Amino acid sequence: MQIVKLGGSLLHDPLLPAWLSRLAAQAAGQTVIVPGGGPFADAARAVQKEWRANDVCAHNMAVLGMAQSAHLLHGLEPRLALADSDASLRACLDAGRAAIWLPLSLQRAAPDALTTWDVTSDSLAAWLALRLGARSVVLVKSCPVPPQATPDALATAGIVDRAFPGYAAQCARAGINCDVVTRAGLERLIK
């Protein structure tokens, strides 16, 4: 199984429907898509700043933003199955379908390690890969990604979130390959 995180900025890319179609056809039964929050998560950041809402509130709004992105991706490519639990993700894959993770179970009532802006869908993709025992996790970004950059360098450059290097290290110890690629890398992934 592979985890493919589609960055929220890709929601504005005109090639998105074609990529989703290819993922549905070519990655069926082996891929879980983690949606970035994109403009929906950006709205959560803005509302938190305006109203000085706490991090749990902002986290929950960002999770709902990821869920909105998931519904958009599903609306663009209905062959991709929406799944909201480990069991339903595995059932989709076992049925030969690629799945889109609907992360609603990540909503929280109290602060924990996930309820900070240091953790975004980047780290959540690696977190999910660890949880599911995936063989790889690929973060797809719309911005340039320096070749051979370490997770620490990517976090310093603002390409991935600040918590991602720790999750990438956990993935490495578990034998899960982590890659961060540009949209051109996605093209290679689903050829």
Protein backbone atom coordinates (compact mmCIF):
# COMPACT_ATOMS: atom_id res chain seq x y z
CA MET A 1 0.00 0.00 0.00
CA GLN A 2 1.15 3.52 -0.72
CA ILE A 3 -0.03 6.79 0.76
CA VAL A 4 -0.18 9.71 -1.70
CA LYS A 5 -0.76 13.12 -0.13
CA LEU A 6 -2.03 15.65 -2.64
CA GLY A 7 -1.12 19.13 -1.44
CA GLY A 8 -4.01 21.53 -1.05
CA SER A 9 -2.53 23.91 -3.60
CA LEU A 10 -3.03 21.19 -6.22
CA LEU A 11 -6.78 21.78 -5.87
CA HIS A 12 -6.27 24.71 -8.25
CA ASP A 13 -4.32 22.71 -10.84
CA PRO A 14 -6.21 22.11 -14.09
CA LEU A 15 -4.59 18.67 -14.37
CA LEU A 16 -6.15 17.48 -11.09
CA PRO A 17 -9.09 15.61 -12.72
CA ALA A 18 -6.72 13.75 -15.07
CA TRP A 19 -4.42 12.79 -12.18
CA LEU A 20 -7.35 11.53 -10.13
CA SER A 21 -8.63 9.52 -13.08
CA ARG A 22 -5.23 7.90 -13.51
CA LEU A 23 -4.93 7.18 -9.78
CA ALA A 24 -8.38 5.58 -9.84
CA ALA A 25 -7.44 3.40 -12.82
CA GLN A 26 -3.77 2.62 -12.23
CA ALA A 27 -3.42 2.67 -8.45
CA ALA A 28 -6.61 0.81 -7.63
CA GLY A 29 -6.26 -1.52 -4.68
CA GLN A 30 -2.95 -0.08 -3.58
CA THR A 31 -3.27 3.66 -2.93
CA VAL A 32 -4.74 5.80 -0.17
CA ILE A 33 -4.96 9.49 -1.04
CA VAL A 34 -4.55 11.99 1.78
CA PRO A 35 -6.09 15.33 0.79
CA GLY A 36 -4.42 18.57 1.77
CA GLY A 37 -6.68 21.18 3.29
CA GLY A 38 -5.89 23.85 0.70
CA PRO A 39 -8.19 26.87 0.78
CA PHE A 40 -10.36 25.22 3.43
CA ALA A 41 -7.43 24.93 5.88
CA ASP A 42 -6.34 28.45 4.93
CA ALA A 43 -9.78 29.63 6.05
CA ALA A 44 -9.26 27.87 9.40
CA ARG A 45 -5.94 29.69 9.84
CA ALA A 46 -7.53 33.03 9.03
CA VAL A 47 -10.48 32.50 11.37
CA GLN A 48 -8.17 31.41 14.18
CA LYS A 49 -6.10 34.55 13.74
CA GLU A 50 -9.14 36.83 13.57
CA TRP A 51 -10.90 35.35 16.59
CA ARG A 52 -7.83 34.10 18.49
CA ALA A 53 -9.40 30.66 18.66
CA ASN A 54 -7.39 27.98 20.42
CA ASP A 55 -5.38 25.30 18.62
CA VAL A 56 -7.93 22.55 19.22
CA CYS A 57 -10.60 24.64 17.50
CA ALA A 58 -8.23 25.46 14.61
CA HIS A 59 -7.16 21.81 14.32
CA ASN A 60 -10.77 20.64 14.11
CA MET A 61 -11.58 23.24 11.46
CA ALA A 62 -8.48 22.18 9.48
CA VAL A 63 -9.52 18.51 9.70
CA LEU A 64 -12.93 19.53 8.35
CA GLY A 65 -11.03 21.38 5.61
CA MET A 66 -9.24 18.17 4.67
CA ALA A 67 -12.63 16.45 4.64
CA GLN A 68 -13.98 19.12 2.29
CA SER A 69 -11.00 18.53 -0.01
CA ALA A 70 -11.69 14.78 0.16
CA HIS A 71 -15.28 15.35 -0.95
CA LEU A 72 -14.08 17.58 -3.80
CA LEU A 73 -11.63 14.91 -4.99
CA HIS A 74 -14.37 12.29 -4.81
CA GLY A 75 -16.74 14.58 -6.70
CA LEU A 76 -14.12 14.96 -9.45
CA GLU A 77 -13.43 11.21 -9.59
CA PRO A 78 -16.22 9.03 -8.13
CA ARG A 79 -14.26 5.81 -8.76
CA LEU A 80 -12.11 6.82 -5.79
CA ALA A 81 -13.78 5.61 -2.60
CA LEU A 82 -14.18 7.79 0.49
CA ALA A 83 -13.07 5.99 3.65
CA ASP A 84 -13.05 7.31 7.21
CA SER A 85 -11.40 4.54 9.23
CA ASP A 86 -8.52 2.09 9.04
CA ALA A 87 -10.99 -0.74 8.42
CA SER A 88 -12.85 1.09 5.65
CA LEU A 89 -9.55 2.10 3.99
CA ARG A 90 -8.42 -1.54 3.98
CA ALA A 91 -11.83 -2.68 2.72
CA CYS A 92 -11.62 -0.25 -0.22
CA LEU A 93 -8.16 -1.51 -1.13
CA ASP A 94 -9.23 -5.14 -0.72
CA ALA A 95 -12.13 -4.42 -3.09
CA GLY A 96 -9.63 -3.17 -5.69
CA ARG A 97 -10.32 0.53 -5.34
CA ALA A 98 -8.07 3.46 -4.51
CA ALA A 99 -9.31 5.33 -1.46
CA ILE A 100 -9.47 8.92 -0.29
CA TRP A 101 -8.99 9.29 3.45
CA LEU A 102 -11.77 11.21 5.16
CA PRO A 103 -9.96 12.12 8.44
CA LEU A 104 -12.97 13.04 10.57
CA SER A 105 -11.83 10.79 13.44
CA LEU A 106 -8.92 13.20 13.99
CA GLN A 107 -11.20 15.82 15.50
CA ARG A 108 -10.28 16.38 19.14
CA ALA A 109 -11.93 17.62 22.34
CA ALA A 110 -8.60 18.31 24.07
CA PRO A 111 -5.08 19.20 22.93
CA ASP A 112 -2.70 16.43 21.90
CA ALA A 113 0.36 16.00 19.67
CA LEU A 114 -1.72 16.57 16.52
CA THR A 115 -3.51 19.79 17.53
CA THR A 116 -0.88 22.27 16.38
CA TRP A 117 -0.06 23.97 13.09
CA ASP A 118 3.30 22.16 13.28
CA VAL A 119 1.25 19.16 12.11
CA THR A 120 -0.55 19.51 8.80
CA SER A 121 -1.68 16.97 6.22
CA ASP A 122 2.04 16.37 5.46
CA SER A 123 2.67 14.84 8.87
CA LEU A 124 -0.78 13.26 8.95
CA ALA A 125 0.07 11.37 5.74
CA ALA A 126 3.18 9.92 7.40
CA TRP A 127 1.18 9.27 10.59
CA LEU A 128 -1.37 7.33 8.53
CA ALA A 129 1.38 5.39 6.73
CA LEU A 130 2.76 4.31 10.11
CA ARG A 131 -0.69 3.41 11.37
CA LEU A 132 -1.56 1.33 8.30
CA GLY A 133 1.90 -0.17 7.76
CA ALA A 134 2.18 1.26 4.25
CA ARG A 135 5.28 0.60 2.14
CA SER A 136 5.63 4.25 1.11
CA VAL A 137 4.31 7.75 1.56
CA VAL A 138 4.64 10.40 -1.14
CA LEU A 139 3.86 14.06 -0.53
CA VAL A 140 3.01 15.84 -3.78
CA LYS A 141 3.68 19.58 -3.75
CA SER A 142 2.99 22.32 -6.27
CA CYS A 143 6.17 24.21 -5.32
CA PRO A 144 9.71 23.26 -6.37
CA VAL A 145 11.30 20.56 -4.22
CA PRO A 146 15.12 20.58 -4.09
CA PRO A 147 16.48 17.18 -5.16
CA GLN A 148 18.00 15.12 -2.34
CA ALA A 149 16.74 17.57 0.31
CA THR A 150 16.37 16.05 3.76
CA PRO A 151 13.09 16.27 5.66
CA ASP A 152 14.78 18.78 8.02
CA ALA A 153 15.84 20.97 5.08
CA LEU A 154 12.34 20.76 3.59
CA ALA A 155 10.80 21.80 6.91
CA THR A 156 13.27 24.69 7.28
CA ALA A 157 12.34 25.83 3.76
CA GLY A 158 8.63 25.68 4.62
CA ILE A 159 7.95 23.00 2.00
CA VAL A 160 6.71 20.51 4.63
CA ASP A 161 5.40 21.16 8.12
CA ARG A 162 7.69 21.36 11.15
CA ALA A 163 6.65 17.98 12.56
CA PHE A 164 7.25 16.06 9.32
CA PRO A 165 10.97 15.32 9.93
CA GLY A 166 10.06 13.42 13.11
CA TYR A 167 7.35 11.43 11.36
CA ALA A 168 9.69 10.75 8.41
CA ALA A 169 12.30 9.40 10.85
CA GLN A 170 9.67 7.11 12.39
CA CYS A 171 8.72 5.93 8.88
CA ALA A 172 12.37 5.22 8.05
CA ARG A 173 12.74 3.12 11.22
CA ALA A 174 9.59 1.20 10.20
CA GLY A 175 10.89 0.60 6.66
CA ILE A 176 8.42 3.00 5.07
CA ASN A 177 9.90 5.05 2.24
CA CYS A 178 9.08 8.79 2.37
CA ASP A 179 9.34 11.02 -0.69
CA VAL A 180 8.42 14.64 -1.31
CA VAL A 181 7.91 15.41 -5.00
CA THR A 182 6.59 18.14 -7.25
CA ARG A 183 3.57 17.75 -9.46
CA ALA A 184 5.99 16.39 -12.12
CA GLY A 185 6.82 13.65 -9.63
CA LEU A 186 3.15 12.78 -9.47
CA GLU A 187 3.18 12.42 -13.25
CA ARG A 188 6.00 9.87 -12.92
CA LEU A 189 4.23 8.10 -10.05
CA ILE A 190 1.07 7.42 -12.07
CA LYS A 191 2.42 6.83 -15.59
